Amino acid sequence: MPRKSMTSDGKIKPLLRFEKAEKKTLRVQVDSRVLNKIEQYPAYVKETMGDEPSIDEVIERAIDKIISSDVGFKTWLKQQSQSAINREGNDAA
């Protein structure tokens, strides 16, 4: 089981971390049960960490965390990058 990080006052730290970056808009529909959890997550982060992220930030970080931990996707991305490099090399020749 993964080890839990704790705050200085003994609360379990949120799994997601938040940072600012350029944003683009994506419109999606989600299961209402999932949306309810998403809407509650900022209050949890605020209670444990002091700063309250927006719902957009919660969704962004959750998706990034999942995608970044997908080993198969990482392998596929590397293959795509290598294919692009090979195509560029062939075009220059």
Protein backbone atom coordinates (compact mmCIF):
# COMPACT_ATOMS: atom_id res chain seq x y z
CA MET A 1 0.00 0.00 0.00
CA PRO A 2 1.36 3.49 -0.87
CA ARG A 3 2.84 5.49 1.97
CA LYS A 4 0.77 8.52 2.98
CA SER A 5 2.35 11.97 3.31
CA MET A 6 1.29 13.90 6.38
CA THR A 7 1.05 17.62 7.08
CA SER A 8 2.83 19.08 10.10
CA ASP A 9 -0.43 18.90 12.07
CA GLY A 10 -0.99 15.20 11.28
CA LYS A 11 -3.48 15.43 8.41
CA ILE A 12 -3.05 13.30 5.29
CA LYS A 13 -1.80 15.46 2.40
CA PRO A 14 -3.84 15.48 -0.82
CA LEU A 15 -2.52 13.28 -3.60
CA LEU A 16 -2.76 16.13 -6.13
CA ARG A 17 -0.38 19.12 -6.32
CA PHE A 18 -1.35 22.40 -7.99
CA GLU A 19 0.63 24.85 -10.15
CA LYS A 20 -0.28 27.61 -12.60
CA ALA A 21 0.14 27.14 -16.36
CA GLU A 22 -1.35 28.32 -19.66
CA LYS A 23 -4.96 27.10 -19.95
CA LYS A 24 -7.15 25.95 -22.84
CA THR A 25 -10.87 25.16 -22.68
CA LEU A 26 -12.28 21.62 -22.84
CA ARG A 27 -15.97 20.94 -22.42
CA VAL A 28 -16.91 17.49 -21.08
CA GLN A 29 -19.78 15.70 -19.39
CA VAL A 30 -19.11 13.56 -16.31
CA ASP A 31 -21.07 11.20 -14.11
CA SER A 32 -22.89 13.23 -11.43
CA ARG A 33 -21.32 11.08 -8.69
CA VAL A 34 -17.84 11.95 -10.00
CA LEU A 35 -18.76 15.63 -10.26
CA ASN A 36 -19.89 15.59 -6.63
CA LYS A 37 -16.47 14.31 -5.55
CA ILE A 38 -14.70 16.84 -7.78
CA GLU A 39 -16.73 19.66 -6.23
CA GLN A 40 -15.79 18.54 -2.70
CA TYR A 41 -12.06 18.09 -3.35
CA PRO A 42 -11.11 21.81 -3.20
CA ALA A 43 -12.51 22.07 0.35
CA TYR A 44 -10.43 19.05 1.38
CA VAL A 45 -7.27 20.59 -0.10
CA LYS A 46 -8.01 23.91 1.61
CA GLU A 47 -8.56 22.20 4.97
CA THR A 48 -5.34 20.21 4.75
CA MET A 49 -3.03 22.56 2.82
CA GLY A 50 -4.46 26.06 3.33
CA ASP A 51 -4.97 26.95 -0.36
CA GLU A 52 -8.15 26.12 -2.24
CA PRO A 53 -7.71 25.06 -5.88
CA SER A 54 -10.39 25.69 -8.47
CA ILE A 55 -12.46 22.80 -9.77
CA ASP A 56 -10.63 23.24 -13.10
CA GLU A 57 -7.31 22.73 -11.31
CA VAL A 58 -8.62 19.61 -9.53
CA ILE A 59 -9.74 18.06 -12.82
CA GLU A 60 -6.51 19.01 -14.60
CA ARG A 61 -4.23 17.60 -11.89
CA ALA A 62 -6.28 14.41 -11.48
CA ILE A 63 -6.20 13.68 -15.21
CA ASP A 64 -2.49 14.51 -15.42
CA LYS A 65 -1.72 12.25 -12.44
CA ILE A 66 -3.55 9.31 -14.02
CA ILE A 67 -2.12 9.80 -17.52
CA SER A 68 1.41 10.37 -16.20
CA SER A 69 1.29 7.10 -14.27
CA ASP A 70 0.19 5.05 -17.31
CA VAL A 71 3.31 3.10 -18.25
CA GLY A 72 1.87 1.94 -21.56
CA PHE A 73 1.03 5.52 -22.54
CA LYS A 74 4.54 6.69 -21.63
CA THR A 75 6.02 3.96 -23.83
CA TRP A 76 3.68 4.91 -26.67
CA LEU A 77 4.62 8.60 -26.37
CA LYS A 78 8.32 7.74 -26.58
CA GLN A 79 7.64 5.69 -29.70
CA GLN A 80 5.72 8.61 -31.23
CA SER A 81 8.60 10.99 -30.47
CA GLN A 82 11.13 8.60 -31.97
CA SER A 83 8.97 8.15 -35.07
CA ALA A 84 8.78 11.94 -35.49
CA ILE A 85 12.56 12.25 -35.14
CA ASN A 86 13.05 9.49 -37.72
CA ARG A 87 10.62 11.18 -40.15
CA GLU A 88 12.43 14.52 -39.74
CA GLY A 89 15.77 12.82 -40.37
CA ASN A 90 14.44 11.16 -43.52
CA ASP A 91 13.01 14.48 -44.77
CA ALA A 92 16.40 16.19 -44.33
CA ALA A 93 18.25 13.50 -46.29
